[in-house]
């Protein structure tokens, strides 16, 4: 009986840890993607600015 209770608690704990880890990964990926988009946008602005000066 106690072993089943411990197993259930461990299973629940592992589920919570897994969910928390997955959520953290998703937030990190989202933040990195946003940073890359901003970087590429700035690079594009530099290129457009250089093209305008060259005309």
PDB file of N, CA and C in Angstrom:
ATOM      1  N   UNK A   1       0.826  -1.194   0.000  1.00  0.00           N
ATOM      2  CA  UNK A   1       0.000   0.000   0.000  1.00  0.00           C
ATOM      3  C   UNK A   1       0.872   1.261   0.000  1.00  0.00           C
ATOM      4  N   UNK A   2       1.855   1.311   0.892  1.00  0.00           N
ATOM      5  CA  UNK A   2       2.728   2.486   0.973  1.00  0.00           C
ATOM      6  C   UNK A   2       3.539   2.631  -0.304  1.00  0.00           C
ATOM      7  N   UNK A   3       4.005   1.489  -0.847  1.00  0.00           N
ATOM      8  CA  UNK A   3       4.778   1.550  -2.088  1.00  0.00           C
ATOM      9  C   UNK A   3       3.960   2.133  -3.221  1.00  0.00           C
ATOM     10  N   UNK A   4       2.682   1.788  -3.304  1.00  0.00           N
ATOM     11  CA  UNK A   4       1.811   2.331  -4.352  1.00  0.00           C
ATOM     12  C   UNK A   4       1.632   3.831  -4.168  1.00  0.00           C
ATOM     13  N   UNK A   5       1.511   4.271  -2.930  1.00  0.00           N
ATOM     14  CA  UNK A   5       1.359   5.689  -2.638  1.00  0.00           C
ATOM     15  C   UNK A   5       2.628   6.452  -3.025  1.00  0.00           C
ATOM     16  N   UNK A   6       3.777   5.887  -2.667  1.00  0.00           N
ATOM     17  CA  UNK A   6       5.052   6.509  -3.020  1.00  0.00           C
ATOM     18  C   UNK A   6       5.208   6.547  -4.534  1.00  0.00           C
ATOM     19  N   UNK A   7       4.877   5.444  -5.205  1.00  0.00           N
ATOM     20  CA  UNK A   7       4.961   5.398  -6.661  1.00  0.00           C
ATOM     21  C   UNK A   7       4.058   6.451  -7.295  1.00  0.00           C
ATOM     22  N   UNK A   8       2.858   6.617  -6.767  1.00  0.00           N
ATOM     23  CA  UNK A   8       1.927   7.611  -7.302  1.00  0.00           C
ATOM     24  C   UNK A   8       2.469   9.021  -7.090  1.00  0.00           C
ATOM     25  N   UNK A   9       3.030   9.275  -5.908  1.00  0.00           N
ATOM     26  CA  UNK A   9       3.591  10.604  -5.627  1.00  0.00           C
ATOM     27  C   UNK A   9       4.797  10.882  -6.529  1.00  0.00           C
ATOM     28  N   UNK A  10       5.645   9.883  -6.723  1.00  0.00           N
ATOM     29  CA  UNK A  10       6.811  10.048  -7.596  1.00  0.00           C
ATOM     30  C   UNK A  10       6.367  10.288  -9.035  1.00  0.00           C
ATOM     31  N   UNK A  11       5.377   9.542  -9.466  1.00  0.00           N
ATOM     32  CA  UNK A  11       4.854   9.711 -10.820  1.00  0.00           C
ATOM     33  C   UNK A  11       4.290  11.124 -10.992  1.00  0.00           C
ATOM     34  N   UNK A  12       3.557  11.601 -10.002  1.00  0.00           N
ATOM     35  CA  UNK A  12       2.997  12.950 -10.035  1.00  0.00           C
ATOM     36  C   UNK A  12       4.110  13.993 -10.052  1.00  0.00           C
ATOM     37  N   UNK A  13       5.123  13.808  -9.219  1.00  0.00           N
ATOM     38  CA  UNK A  13       6.254  14.734  -9.165  1.00  0.00           C
ATOM     39  C   UNK A  13       6.977  14.774 -10.508  1.00  0.00           C
ATOM     40  N   UNK A  14       7.237  13.625 -11.087  1.00  0.00           N
ATOM     41  CA  UNK A  14       7.914  13.574 -12.381  1.00  0.00           C
ATOM     42  C   UNK A  14       7.086  14.258 -13.464  1.00  0.00           C
ATOM     43  N   UNK A  15       5.781  14.109 -13.390  1.00  0.00           N
ATOM     44  CA  UNK A  15       4.902  14.779 -14.344  1.00  0.00           C
ATOM     45  C   UNK A  15       4.985  16.286 -14.218  1.00  0.00           C
ATOM     46  N   UNK A  16       4.998  16.777 -12.979  1.00  0.00           N
ATOM     47  CA  UNK A  16       5.094  18.224 -12.747  1.00  0.00           C
ATOM     48  C   UNK A  16       6.447  18.760 -13.212  1.00  0.00           C
ATOM     49  N   UNK A  17       7.510  18.015 -12.926  1.00  0.00           N
ATOM     50  CA  UNK A  17       8.844  18.428 -13.356  1.00  0.00           C
ATOM     51  C   UNK A  17       8.921  18.465 -14.875  1.00  0.00           C
ATOM     52  N   UNK A  18       8.393  17.458 -15.515  1.00  0.00           N
ATOM     53  CA  UNK A  18       8.403  17.391 -16.979  1.00  0.00           C
ATOM     54  C   UNK A  18       7.637  18.552 -17.596  1.00  0.00           C
ATOM     55  N   UNK A  19       6.472  18.852 -17.046  1.00  0.00           N
ATOM     56  CA  UNK A  19       5.659  19.958 -17.550  1.00  0.00           C
ATOM     57  C   UNK A  19       6.387  21.289 -17.366  1.00  0.00           C
ATOM     58  N   UNK A  20       6.963  21.496 -16.187  1.00  0.00           N
ATOM     59  CA  UNK A  20       7.691  22.732 -15.906  1.00  0.00           C
ATOM     60  C   UNK A  20       8.876  22.886 -16.850  1.00  0.00           C
ATOM     61  N   UNK A  21       9.606  21.810 -17.074  1.00  0.00           N
ATOM     62  CA  UNK A  21      10.755  21.846 -17.968  1.00  0.00           C
ATOM     63  C   UNK A  21      10.321  22.167 -19.397  1.00  0.00           C
ATOM     64  N   UNK A  22       9.256  21.525 -19.859  1.00  0.00           N
ATOM     65  CA  UNK A  22       8.753  21.772 -21.211  1.00  0.00           C
ATOM     66  C   UNK A  22       8.302  23.217 -21.384  1.00  0.00           C
ATOM     67  N   UNK A  23       7.638  23.759 -20.386  1.00  0.00           N
ATOM     68  CA  UNK A  23       7.200  25.151 -20.454  1.00  0.00           C
ATOM     69  C   UNK A  23       8.400  26.102 -20.497  1.00  0.00           C
ATOM     70  N   UNK A  24       9.408  25.800 -19.719  1.00  0.00           N
ATOM     71  CA  UNK A  24      10.619  26.613 -19.726  1.00  0.00           C
ATOM     72  C   UNK A  24      11.317  26.571 -21.076  1.00  0.00           C
ATOM     73  N   UNK A  25      11.373  25.390 -21.673  1.00  0.00           N
ATOM     74  CA  UNK A  25      11.970  25.260 -22.997  1.00  0.00           C
ATOM     75  C   UNK A  25      11.197  26.090 -24.017  1.00  0.00           C
ATOM     76  N   UNK A  26       9.881  26.003 -23.976  1.00  0.00           N
ATOM     77  CA  UNK A  26       9.047  26.737 -24.938  1.00  0.00           C
ATOM     78  C   UNK A  26       9.259  28.244 -24.796  1.00  0.00           C
ATOM     79  N   UNK A  27       9.328  28.736 -23.566  1.00  0.00           N
ATOM     80  CA  UNK A  27       9.547  30.167 -23.342  1.00  0.00           C
ATOM     81  C   UNK A  27      10.932  30.586 -23.834  1.00  0.00           C
ATOM     82  N   UNK A  28      11.918  29.744 -23.610  1.00  0.00           N
ATOM     83  CA  UNK A  28      13.277  30.046 -24.049  1.00  0.00           C
ATOM     84  C   UNK A  28      13.357  30.095 -25.568  1.00  0.00           C
ATOM     85  N   UNK A  29      12.757  29.126 -26.217  1.00  0.00           N
ATOM     86  CA  UNK A  29      12.750  29.085 -27.682  1.00  0.00           C
ATOM     87  C   UNK A  29      12.057  30.317 -28.242  1.00  0.00           C
ATOM     88  N   UNK A  30      10.949  30.687 -27.639  1.00  0.00           N
ATOM     89  CA  UNK A  30      10.211  31.864 -28.084  1.00  0.00           C
ATOM     90  C   UNK A  30      11.052  33.133 -27.937  1.00  0.00           C
ATOM     91  N   UNK A  31      11.754  33.262 -26.824  1.00  0.00           N
ATOM     92  CA  UNK A  31      12.596  34.434 -26.593  1.00  0.00           C
ATOM     93  C   UNK A  31      13.752  34.478 -27.588  1.00  0.00           C
ATOM     94  N   UNK A  32      14.356  33.339 -27.845  1.00  0.00           N
ATOM     95  CA  UNK A  32      15.460  33.280 -28.807  1.00  0.00           C
ATOM     96  C   UNK A  32      14.958  33.640 -30.200  1.00  0.00           C
ATOM     97  N   UNK A  33      13.818  33.088 -30.584  1.00  0.00           N
ATOM     98  CA  UNK A  33      13.258  33.397 -31.902  1.00  0.00           C
ATOM     99  C   UNK A  33      12.960  34.881 -32.047  1.00  0.00           C
ATOM    100  N   UNK A  34      12.411  35.485 -31.011  1.00  0.00           N
ATOM    101  CA  UNK A  34      12.118  36.926 -31.056  1.00  0.00           C
ATOM    102  C   UNK A  34      13.413  37.721 -31.211  1.00  0.00           C
ATOM    103  N   UNK A  35      14.446  37.324 -30.509  1.00  0.00           N
ATOM    104  CA  UNK A  35      15.732  37.995 -30.619  1.00  0.00           C
ATOM    105  C   UNK A  35      16.323  37.861 -32.014  1.00  0.00           C
ATOM    106  N   UNK A  36      16.199  36.687 -32.605  1.00  0.00           N
ATOM    107  CA  UNK A  36      16.709  36.486 -33.967  1.00  0.00           C
ATOM    108  C   UNK A  36      15.940  37.316 -34.982  1.00  0.00           C
ATOM    109  N   UNK A  37      14.629  37.391 -34.823  1.00  0.00           N
ATOM    110  CA  UNK A  37      13.818  38.192 -35.742  1.00  0.00           C
ATOM    111  C   UNK A  37      14.256  39.656 -35.672  1.00  0.00           C
ATOM    112  N   UNK A  38      14.465  40.158 -34.468  1.00  0.00           N
ATOM    113  CA  UNK A  38      14.911  41.544 -34.312  1.00  0.00           C
ATOM    114  C   UNK A  38      16.296  41.747 -34.942  1.00  0.00           C
ATOM    115  N   UNK A  39      17.168  40.788 -34.770  1.00  0.00           N
ATOM    116  CA  UNK A  39      18.509  40.869 -35.359  1.00  0.00           C
ATOM    117  C   UNK A  39      18.435  40.913 -36.873  1.00  0.00           C
ATOM    118  N   UNK A  40      17.647  40.012 -37.458  1.00  0.00           N
ATOM    119  CA  UNK A  40      17.516  39.977 -38.922  1.00  0.00           C
ATOM    120  C   UNK A  40      16.861  41.251 -39.444  1.00  0.00           C
ATOM    121  N   UNK A  41      15.936  41.793 -38.688  1.00  0.00           N
ATOM    122  CA  UNK A  41      15.275  43.038 -39.076  1.00  0.00           C
ATOM    123  C   UNK A  41      16.285  44.184 -39.098  1.00  0.00           C
ATOM    124  N   UNK A  42      17.133  44.256 -38.086  1.00  0.00           N
ATOM    125  CA  UNK A  42      18.158  45.299 -38.040  1.00  0.00           C
ATOM    126  C   UNK A  42      19.160  45.133 -39.188  1.00  0.00           C
ATOM    127  N   UNK A  43      19.523  43.892 -39.490  1.00  0.00           N
ATOM    128  CA  UNK A  43      20.434  43.641 -40.614  1.00  0.00           C
ATOM    129  C   UNK A  43      19.788  44.126 -41.909  1.00  0.00           C
ATOM    130  N   UNK A  44      18.514  43.839 -42.076  1.00  0.00           N
ATOM    131  CA  UNK A  44      17.784  44.305 -43.255  1.00  0.00           C
ATOM    132  C   UNK A  44      17.757  45.820 -43.342  1.00  0.00           C
ATOM    133  N   UNK A  45      17.591  46.479 -42.196  1.00  0.00           N
ATOM    134  CA  UNK A  45      17.589  47.943 -42.174  1.00  0.00           C
ATOM    135  C   UNK A  45      18.951  48.488 -42.591  1.00  0.00           C
ATOM    136  N   UNK A  46      20.019  47.851 -42.134  1.00  0.00           N
ATOM    137  CA  UNK A  46      21.368  48.273 -42.526  1.00  0.00           C
ATOM    138  C   UNK A  46      21.549  48.139 -44.044  1.00  0.00           C
ATOM    139  N   UNK A  47      21.090  47.034 -44.586  1.00  0.00           N
ATOM    140  CA  UNK A  47      21.219  46.794 -46.023  1.00  0.00           C
ATOM    141  C   UNK A  47      20.411  47.828 -46.801  1.00  0.00           C
ATOM    142  N   UNK A  48      19.173  48.068 -46.380  1.00  0.00           N
ATOM    143  CA  UNK A  48      18.337  49.058 -47.074  1.00  0.00           C
ATOM    144  C   UNK A  48      18.948  50.451 -46.974  1.00  0.00           C
ATOM    145  N   UNK A  49      19.483  50.783 -45.833  1.00  0.00           N
ATOM    146  CA  UNK A  49      20.107  52.093 -45.639  1.00  0.00           C
ATOM    147  C   UNK A  49      21.310  52.255 -46.578  1.00  0.00           C
ATOM    148  N   UNK A  50      22.099  51.224 -46.700  1.00  0.00           N
ATOM    149  CA  UNK A  50      23.262  51.272 -47.581  1.00  0.00           C
ATOM    150  C   UNK A  50      22.837  51.399 -49.035  1.00  0.00           C
ATOM    151  N   UNK A  51      21.774  50.688 -49.419  1.00  0.00           N
ATOM    152  CA  UNK A  51      21.260  50.756 -50.788  1.00  0.00           C
ATOM    153  C   UNK A  51      20.733  52.158 -51.110  1.00  0.00           C
ATOM    154  N   UNK A  52      20.074  52.793 -50.147  1.00  0.00           N
ATOM    155  CA  UNK A  52      19.542  54.146 -50.376  1.00  0.00           C
ATOM    156  C   UNK A  52      20.675  55.157 -50.562  1.00  0.00           C
ATOM    157  N   UNK A  53      21.762  54.982 -49.813  1.00  0.00           N
ATOM    158  CA  UNK A  53      22.893  55.883 -49.911  1.00  0.00           C
ATOM    159  C   UNK A  53      23.611  55.712 -51.246  1.00  0.00           C
ATOM    160  N   UNK A  54      23.565  54.488 -51.796  1.00  0.00           N
ATOM    161  CA  UNK A  54      24.263  54.200 -53.022  1.00  0.00           C
ATOM    162  C   UNK A  54      23.550  54.713 -54.269  1.00  0.00           C
ATOM    163  N   UNK A  55      22.290  55.073 -54.147  1.00  0.00           N
ATOM    164  CA  UNK A  55      21.515  55.532 -55.316  1.00  0.00           C
ATOM    165  C   UNK A  55      21.786  56.967 -55.637  1.00  0.00           C
TER     166      UNK A  55
END
